Amino acid sequence: RVRDLAETIDFVGPHVYRMEKDQVSQLLG
């Protein structure tokens, strides 16, 4: 849970590999 871990870390590092249903969703994912 990001909220629980935020007190321990200094930055947040998302890994983003989602596959979306259309081009706009993919580009804004």
PDB file of all heavy atoms in Angstrom:
ATOM      1  N   ARG A   1       0.842  -1.189   0.000  1.00  0.00           N
ATOM      2  CA  ARG A   1       0.000   0.000   0.000  1.00  0.00           C
ATOM      3  C   ARG A   1       0.882   1.244   0.000  1.00  0.00           C
ATOM      4  O   ARG A   1       1.682   1.457   0.908  1.00  0.00           O
ATOM      5  CB  ARG A   1      -0.934  -0.012   1.204  1.00  0.00           C
ATOM      6  CG  ARG A   1      -1.962  -1.144   1.130  1.00  0.00           C
ATOM      7  CD  ARG A   1      -2.905  -1.134   2.303  1.00  0.00           C
ATOM      8  NE  ARG A   1      -3.772  -2.318   2.253  1.00  0.00           N
ATOM      9  CZ  ARG A   1      -4.335  -2.876   3.309  1.00  0.00           C
ATOM     10  NH1 ARG A   1      -4.120  -2.353   4.514  1.00  0.00           N
ATOM     11  NH2 ARG A   1      -5.103  -3.930   3.182  1.00  0.00           N
ATOM     12  N   VAL A   2       0.704   2.046  -1.017  1.00  0.00           N
ATOM     13  CA  VAL A   2       1.549   3.222  -1.189  1.00  0.00           C
ATOM     14  C   VAL A   2       1.424   4.152   0.010  1.00  0.00           C
ATOM     15  O   VAL A   2       2.418   4.715   0.485  1.00  0.00           O
ATOM     16  CB  VAL A   2       1.178   3.956  -2.494  1.00  0.00           C
ATOM     17  CG1 VAL A   2       1.995   5.227  -2.652  1.00  0.00           C
ATOM     18  CG2 VAL A   2       1.374   3.033  -3.696  1.00  0.00           C
ATOM     19  N   ARG A   3       0.226   4.312   0.524  1.00  0.00           N
ATOM     20  CA  ARG A   3       0.018   5.222   1.651  1.00  0.00           C
ATOM     21  C   ARG A   3       0.806   4.752   2.871  1.00  0.00           C
ATOM     22  O   ARG A   3       1.408   5.550   3.589  1.00  0.00           O
ATOM     23  CB  ARG A   3      -1.476   5.320   1.977  1.00  0.00           C
ATOM     24  CG  ARG A   3      -1.809   6.388   3.013  1.00  0.00           C
ATOM     25  CD  ARG A   3      -3.310   6.540   3.155  1.00  0.00           C
ATOM     26  NE  ARG A   3      -3.922   7.059   1.954  1.00  0.00           N
ATOM     27  CZ  ARG A   3      -4.016   8.358   1.662  1.00  0.00           C
ATOM     28  NH1 ARG A   3      -3.503   9.260   2.485  1.00  0.00           N
ATOM     29  NH2 ARG A   3      -4.607   8.752   0.562  1.00  0.00           N
ATOM     30  N   ASP A   4       0.820   3.448   3.135  1.00  0.00           N
ATOM     31  CA  ASP A   4       1.545   2.921   4.297  1.00  0.00           C
ATOM     32  C   ASP A   4       3.053   3.054   4.128  1.00  0.00           C
ATOM     33  O   ASP A   4       3.782   3.257   5.103  1.00  0.00           O
ATOM     34  CB  ASP A   4       1.193   1.452   4.518  1.00  0.00           C
ATOM     35  CG  ASP A   4      -0.256   1.243   4.936  1.00  0.00           C
ATOM     36  OD1 ASP A   4      -0.938   2.249   5.229  1.00  0.00           O
ATOM     37  OD2 ASP A   4      -0.711   0.092   4.962  1.00  0.00           O
ATOM     38  N   LEU A   5       3.531   2.918   2.892  1.00  0.00           N
ATOM     39  CA  LEU A   5       4.971   2.899   2.639  1.00  0.00           C
ATOM     40  C   LEU A   5       5.559   4.290   2.446  1.00  0.00           C
ATOM     41  O   LEU A   5       6.781   4.454   2.505  1.00  0.00           O
ATOM     42  CB  LEU A   5       5.255   2.048   1.396  1.00  0.00           C
ATOM     43  CG  LEU A   5       4.851   0.572   1.525  1.00  0.00           C
ATOM     44  CD1 LEU A   5       4.942  -0.117   0.171  1.00  0.00           C
ATOM     45  CD2 LEU A   5       5.718  -0.142   2.542  1.00  0.00           C
ATOM     46  N   ALA A   6       4.710   5.283   2.237  1.00  0.00           N
ATOM     47  CA  ALA A   6       5.206   6.621   1.914  1.00  0.00           C
ATOM     48  C   ALA A   6       6.050   7.208   3.032  1.00  0.00           C
ATOM     49  O   ALA A   6       6.949   8.024   2.778  1.00  0.00           O
ATOM     50  CB  ALA A   6       4.031   7.548   1.599  1.00  0.00           C
ATOM     51  N   GLU A   7       5.796   6.801   4.269  1.00  0.00           N
ATOM     52  CA  GLU A   7       6.587   7.340   5.375  1.00  0.00           C
ATOM     53  C   GLU A   7       8.013   6.795   5.372  1.00  0.00           C
ATOM     54  O   GLU A   7       8.911   7.404   5.957  1.00  0.00           O
ATOM     55  CB  GLU A   7       5.910   7.006   6.705  1.00  0.00           C
ATOM     56  CG  GLU A   7       4.559   7.678   6.899  1.00  0.00           C
ATOM     57  CD  GLU A   7       3.932   7.345   8.234  1.00  0.00           C
ATOM     58  OE1 GLU A   7       4.586   6.634   9.031  1.00  0.00           O
ATOM     59  OE2 GLU A   7       2.800   7.778   8.482  1.00  0.00           O
ATOM     60  N   THR A   8       8.230   5.642   4.735  1.00  0.00           N
ATOM     61  CA  THR A   8       9.538   4.987   4.751  1.00  0.00           C
ATOM     62  C   THR A   8      10.417   5.406   3.583  1.00  0.00           C
ATOM     63  O   THR A   8      11.643   5.389   3.688  1.00  0.00           O
ATOM     64  CB  THR A   8       9.342   3.454   4.740  1.00  0.00           C
ATOM     65  OG1 THR A   8       8.550   3.091   5.877  1.00  0.00           O
ATOM     66  CG2 THR A   8      10.655   2.711   4.790  1.00  0.00           C
ATOM     67  N   ILE A   9       9.811   5.790   2.471  1.00  0.00           N
ATOM     68  CA  ILE A   9      10.565   6.043   1.245  1.00  0.00           C
ATOM     69  C   ILE A   9      10.701   7.539   0.980  1.00  0.00           C
ATOM     70  O   ILE A   9       9.969   8.359   1.542  1.00  0.00           O
ATOM     71  CB  ILE A   9       9.903   5.350   0.040  1.00  0.00           C
ATOM     72  CG1 ILE A   9       8.483   5.885  -0.176  1.00  0.00           C
ATOM     73  CG2 ILE A   9       9.901   3.842   0.238  1.00  0.00           C
ATOM     74  CD1 ILE A   9       7.767   5.297  -1.380  1.00  0.00           C
ATOM     75  N   ASP A  10      11.633   7.880   0.094  1.00  0.00           N
ATOM     76  CA  ASP A  10      11.898   9.282  -0.247  1.00  0.00           C
ATOM     77  C   ASP A  10      11.351   9.674  -1.611  1.00  0.00           C
ATOM     78  O   ASP A  10      11.250  10.860  -1.915  1.00  0.00           O
ATOM     79  CB  ASP A  10      13.403   9.551  -0.215  1.00  0.00           C
ATOM     80  CG  ASP A  10      13.991   9.310   1.164  1.00  0.00           C
ATOM     81  OD1 ASP A  10      13.467   9.880   2.138  1.00  0.00           O
ATOM     82  OD2 ASP A  10      14.956   8.530   1.278  1.00  0.00           O
ATOM     83  N   PHE A  11      11.052   8.704  -2.457  1.00  0.00           N
ATOM     84  CA  PHE A  11      10.415   8.988  -3.740  1.00  0.00           C
ATOM     85  C   PHE A  11       9.592   7.779  -4.138  1.00  0.00           C
ATOM     86  O   PHE A  11       9.786   6.676  -3.626  1.00  0.00           O
ATOM     87  CB  PHE A  11      11.442   9.333  -4.835  1.00  0.00           C
ATOM     88  CG  PHE A  11      12.440   8.246  -5.148  1.00  0.00           C
ATOM     89  CD1 PHE A  11      12.239   7.363  -6.200  1.00  0.00           C
ATOM     90  CD2 PHE A  11      13.607   8.116  -4.406  1.00  0.00           C
ATOM     91  CE1 PHE A  11      13.172   6.372  -6.506  1.00  0.00           C
ATOM     92  CE2 PHE A  11      14.542   7.140  -4.691  1.00  0.00           C
ATOM     93  CZ  PHE A  11      14.327   6.256  -5.741  1.00  0.00           C
ATOM     94  N   VAL A  12       8.638   8.002  -5.023  1.00  0.00           N
ATOM     95  CA  VAL A  12       7.748   6.942  -5.497  1.00  0.00           C
ATOM     96  C   VAL A  12       8.159   6.571  -6.910  1.00  0.00           C
ATOM     97  O   VAL A  12       8.397   7.455  -7.746  1.00  0.00           O
ATOM     98  CB  VAL A  12       6.275   7.389  -5.468  1.00  0.00           C
ATOM     99  CG1 VAL A  12       5.359   6.234  -5.848  1.00  0.00           C
ATOM    100  CG2 VAL A  12       5.897   7.923  -4.090  1.00  0.00           C
ATOM    101  N   GLY A  13       8.253   5.262  -7.195  1.00  0.00           N
ATOM    102  CA  GLY A  13       8.755   4.816  -8.488  1.00  0.00           C
ATOM    103  C   GLY A  13       7.805   3.900  -9.230  1.00  0.00           C
ATOM    104  O   GLY A  13       7.963   2.677  -9.186  1.00  0.00           O
ATOM    105  N   PRO A  14       6.801   4.442  -9.926  1.00  0.00           N
ATOM    106  CA  PRO A  14       5.891   3.563 -10.671  1.00  0.00           C
ATOM    107  C   PRO A  14       6.586   2.833 -11.819  1.00  0.00           C
ATOM    108  O   PRO A  14       7.465   3.381 -12.480  1.00  0.00           O
ATOM    109  CB  PRO A  14       4.827   4.530 -11.194  1.00  0.00           C
ATOM    110  CG  PRO A  14       5.488   5.869 -11.208  1.00  0.00           C
ATOM    111  CD  PRO A  14       6.451   5.862 -10.068  1.00  0.00           C
ATOM    112  N   HIS A  15       6.160   1.580 -12.021  1.00  0.00           N
ATOM    113  CA  HIS A  15       6.543   0.796 -13.196  1.00  0.00           C
ATOM    114  C   HIS A  15       5.274   0.650 -14.027  1.00  0.00           C
ATOM    115  O   HIS A  15       4.288   0.077 -13.548  1.00  0.00           O
ATOM    116  CB  HIS A  15       7.059  -0.593 -12.796  1.00  0.00           C
ATOM    117  CG  HIS A  15       8.279  -0.562 -11.927  1.00  0.00           C
ATOM    118  ND1 HIS A  15       8.976  -1.722 -11.598  1.00  0.00           N
ATOM    119  CD2 HIS A  15       8.938   0.444 -11.312  1.00  0.00           C
ATOM    120  CE1 HIS A  15       9.996  -1.398 -10.812  1.00  0.00           C
ATOM    121  NE2 HIS A  15       9.992  -0.095 -10.635  1.00  0.00           N
ATOM    122  N   VAL A  16       5.281   1.136 -15.245  1.00  0.00           N
ATOM    123  CA  VAL A  16       4.047   1.230 -16.029  1.00  0.00           C
ATOM    124  C   VAL A  16       4.191   0.447 -17.326  1.00  0.00           C
ATOM    125  O   VAL A  16       4.934   0.852 -18.227  1.00  0.00           O
ATOM    126  CB  VAL A  16       3.688   2.700 -16.326  1.00  0.00           C
ATOM    127  CG1 VAL A  16       2.358   2.777 -17.060  1.00  0.00           C
ATOM    128  CG2 VAL A  16       3.629   3.514 -15.032  1.00  0.00           C
ATOM    129  N   TYR A  17       3.462  -0.654 -17.396  1.00  0.00           N
ATOM    130  CA  TYR A  17       3.448  -1.471 -18.609  1.00  0.00           C
ATOM    131  C   TYR A  17       2.024  -1.860 -19.003  1.00  0.00           C
ATOM    132  O   TYR A  17       1.823  -2.851 -19.706  1.00  0.00           O
ATOM    133  CB  TYR A  17       4.265  -2.753 -18.415  1.00  0.00           C
ATOM    134  CG  TYR A  17       5.734  -2.524 -18.148  1.00  0.00           C
ATOM    135  CD1 TYR A  17       6.261  -2.736 -16.882  1.00  0.00           C
ATOM    136  CD2 TYR A  17       6.588  -2.109 -19.164  1.00  0.00           C
ATOM    137  CE1 TYR A  17       7.611  -2.542 -16.625  1.00  0.00           C
ATOM    138  CE2 TYR A  17       7.937  -1.906 -18.915  1.00  0.00           C
ATOM    139  CZ  TYR A  17       8.444  -2.123 -17.647  1.00  0.00           C
ATOM    140  OH  TYR A  17       9.778  -1.926 -17.393  1.00  0.00           O
ATOM    141  N   ARG A  18       1.030  -1.142 -18.549  1.00  0.00           N
ATOM    142  CA  ARG A  18      -0.354  -1.499 -18.832  1.00  0.00           C
ATOM    143  C   ARG A  18      -0.622  -1.534 -20.335  1.00  0.00           C
ATOM    144  O   ARG A  18      -0.012  -0.796 -21.108  1.00  0.00           O
ATOM    145  CB  ARG A  18      -1.303  -0.505 -18.181  1.00  0.00           C
ATOM    146  CG  ARG A  18      -1.546  -0.726 -16.699  1.00  0.00           C
ATOM    147  CD  ARG A  18      -2.595   0.244 -16.206  1.00  0.00           C
ATOM    148  NE  ARG A  18      -3.798   0.185 -16.994  1.00  0.00           N
ATOM    149  CZ  ARG A  18      -4.808  -0.652 -16.765  1.00  0.00           C
ATOM    150  NH1 ARG A  18      -4.748  -1.508 -15.761  1.00  0.00           N
ATOM    151  NH2 ARG A  18      -5.884  -0.653 -17.536  1.00  0.00           N
ATOM    152  N   MET A  19      -1.550  -2.388 -20.702  1.00  0.00           N
ATOM    153  CA  MET A  19      -2.053  -2.402 -22.074  1.00  0.00           C
ATOM    154  C   MET A  19      -3.517  -1.976 -22.025  1.00  0.00           C
ATOM    155  O   MET A  19      -4.331  -2.586 -21.342  1.00  0.00           O
ATOM    156  CB  MET A  19      -1.889  -3.782 -22.694  1.00  0.00           C
ATOM    157  CG  MET A  19      -0.441  -4.148 -22.909  1.00  0.00           C
ATOM    158  SD  MET A  19      -0.234  -5.689 -23.813  1.00  0.00           S
ATOM    159  CE  MET A  19       1.551  -5.660 -24.067  1.00  0.00           C
ATOM    160  N   GLU A  20      -3.831  -0.892 -22.722  1.00  0.00           N
ATOM    161  CA  GLU A  20      -5.137  -0.268 -22.627  1.00  0.00           C
ATOM    162  C   GLU A  20      -6.028  -0.667 -23.798  1.00  0.00           C
ATOM    163  O   GLU A  20      -5.621  -1.423 -24.680  1.00  0.00           O
ATOM    164  CB  GLU A  20      -4.969   1.256 -22.568  1.00  0.00           C
ATOM    165  CG  GLU A  20      -4.111   1.749 -21.422  1.00  0.00           C
ATOM    166  CD  GLU A  20      -4.783   1.600 -20.063  1.00  0.00           C
ATOM    167  OE1 GLU A  20      -5.967   1.232 -20.015  1.00  0.00           O
ATOM    168  OE2 GLU A  20      -4.117   1.873 -19.049  1.00  0.00           O
ATOM    169  N   LYS A  21      -7.239  -0.088 -23.802  1.00  0.00           N
ATOM    170  CA  LYS A  21      -8.232  -0.455 -24.805  1.00  0.00           C
ATOM    171  C   LYS A  21      -8.198   0.427 -26.044  1.00  0.00           C
ATOM    172  O   LYS A  21      -8.807   0.109 -27.047  1.00  0.00           O
ATOM    173  CB  LYS A  21      -9.633  -0.412 -24.188  1.00  0.00           C
ATOM    174  CG  LYS A  21      -9.906  -1.498 -23.152  1.00  0.00           C
ATOM    175  CD  LYS A  21     -11.357  -1.443 -22.693  1.00  0.00           C
ATOM    176  CE  LYS A  21     -11.701  -2.621 -21.793  1.00  0.00           C
ATOM    177  NZ  LYS A  21     -11.061  -2.532 -20.477  1.00  0.00           N
ATOM    178  N   ASP A  22      -7.520   1.577 -25.947  1.00  0.00           N
ATOM    179  CA  ASP A  22      -7.420   2.417 -27.140  1.00  0.00           C
ATOM    180  C   ASP A  22      -6.169   3.275 -27.059  1.00  0.00           C
ATOM    181  O   ASP A  22      -5.467   3.307 -26.038  1.00  0.00           O
ATOM    182  CB  ASP A  22      -8.689   3.250 -27.367  1.00  0.00           C
ATOM    183  CG  ASP A  22      -8.918   4.315 -26.308  1.00  0.00           C
ATOM    184  OD1 ASP A  22      -7.944   4.877 -25.782  1.00  0.00           O
ATOM    185  OD2 ASP A  22     -10.086   4.597 -26.008  1.00  0.00           O
ATOM    186  N   GLN A  23      -5.905   3.981 -28.152  1.00  0.00           N
ATOM    187  CA  GLN A  23      -4.649   4.717 -28.282  1.00  0.00           C
ATOM    188  C   GLN A  23      -4.515   5.819 -27.237  1.00  0.00           C
ATOM    189  O   GLN A  23      -3.453   6.002 -26.636  1.00  0.00           O
ATOM    190  CB  GLN A  23      -4.566   5.333 -29.686  1.00  0.00           C
ATOM    191  CG  GLN A  23      -3.260   6.030 -29.977  1.00  0.00           C
ATOM    192  CD  GLN A  23      -2.093   5.076 -30.057  1.00  0.00           C
ATOM    193  OE1 GLN A  23      -1.924   4.384 -31.042  1.00  0.00           O
ATOM    194  NE2 GLN A  23      -1.282   5.024 -29.013  1.00  0.00           N
ATOM    195  N   VAL A  24      -5.580   6.584 -27.012  1.00  0.00           N
ATOM    196  CA  VAL A  24      -5.480   7.707 -26.082  1.00  0.00           C
ATOM    197  C   VAL A  24      -5.237   7.199 -24.663  1.00  0.00           C
ATOM    198  O   VAL A  24      -4.405   7.730 -23.923  1.00  0.00           O
ATOM    199  CB  VAL A  24      -6.743   8.586 -26.151  1.00  0.00           C
ATOM    200  CG1 VAL A  24      -6.604   9.790 -25.224  1.00  0.00           C
ATOM    201  CG2 VAL A  24      -6.989   9.058 -27.574  1.00  0.00           C
ATOM    202  N   SER A  25      -5.964   6.151 -24.276  1.00  0.00           N
ATOM    203  CA  SER A  25      -5.757   5.572 -22.948  1.00  0.00           C
ATOM    204  C   SER A  25      -4.327   5.083 -22.791  1.00  0.00           C
ATOM    205  O   SER A  25      -3.729   5.222 -21.714  1.00  0.00           O
ATOM    206  CB  SER A  25      -6.728   4.411 -22.724  1.00  0.00           C
ATOM    207  OG  SER A  25      -8.061   4.818 -22.826  1.00  0.00           O
ATOM    208  N   GLN A  26      -3.774   4.494 -23.839  1.00  0.00           N
ATOM    209  CA  GLN A  26      -2.402   4.000 -23.776  1.00  0.00           C
ATOM    210  C   GLN A  26      -1.403   5.135 -23.601  1.00  0.00           C
ATOM    211  O   GLN A  26      -0.492   5.069 -22.776  1.00  0.00           O
ATOM    212  CB  GLN A  26      -2.072   3.213 -25.048  1.00  0.00           C
ATOM    213  CG  GLN A  26      -0.809   2.394 -24.962  1.00  0.00           C
ATOM    214  CD  GLN A  26      -0.957   1.205 -24.033  1.00  0.00           C
ATOM    215  OE1 GLN A  26      -1.862   0.408 -24.175  1.00  0.00           O
ATOM    216  NE2 GLN A  26      -0.075   1.100 -23.052  1.00  0.00           N
ATOM    217  N   LEU A  27      -1.589   6.201 -24.356  1.00  0.00           N
ATOM    218  CA  LEU A  27      -0.634   7.299 -24.308  1.00  0.00           C
ATOM    219  C   LEU A  27      -0.709   8.072 -22.991  1.00  0.00           C
ATOM    220  O   LEU A  27       0.277   8.646 -22.548  1.00  0.00           O
ATOM    221  CB  LEU A  27      -0.856   8.241 -25.489  1.00  0.00           C
ATOM    222  CG  LEU A  27      -0.627   7.622 -26.876  1.00  0.00           C
ATOM    223  CD1 LEU A  27      -0.935   8.629 -27.970  1.00  0.00           C
ATOM    224  CD2 LEU A  27       0.793   7.091 -27.019  1.00  0.00           C
ATOM    225  N   LEU A  28      -1.876   8.076 -22.355  1.00  0.00           N
ATOM    226  CA  LEU A  28      -2.044   8.778 -21.085  1.00  0.00           C
ATOM    227  C   LEU A  28      -1.918   7.859 -19.873  1.00  0.00           C
ATOM    228  O   LEU A  28      -2.045   8.319 -18.737  1.00  0.00           O
ATOM    229  CB  LEU A  28      -3.414   9.467 -21.044  1.00  0.00           C
ATOM    230  CG  LEU A  28      -3.548  10.748 -21.870  1.00  0.00           C
ATOM    231  CD1 LEU A  28      -4.994  11.221 -21.892  1.00  0.00           C
ATOM    232  CD2 LEU A  28      -2.652  11.842 -21.331  1.00  0.00           C
ATOM    233  N   GLY A  29      -1.649   6.567 -20.112  1.00  0.00           N
ATOM    234  CA  GLY A  29      -1.650   5.610 -19.010  1.00  0.00           C
ATOM    235  C   GLY A  29      -0.664   5.933 -17.915  1.00  0.00           C
ATOM    236  O   GLY A  29      -0.992   5.903 -16.721  1.00  0.00           O
TER     237      GLY A  29
END
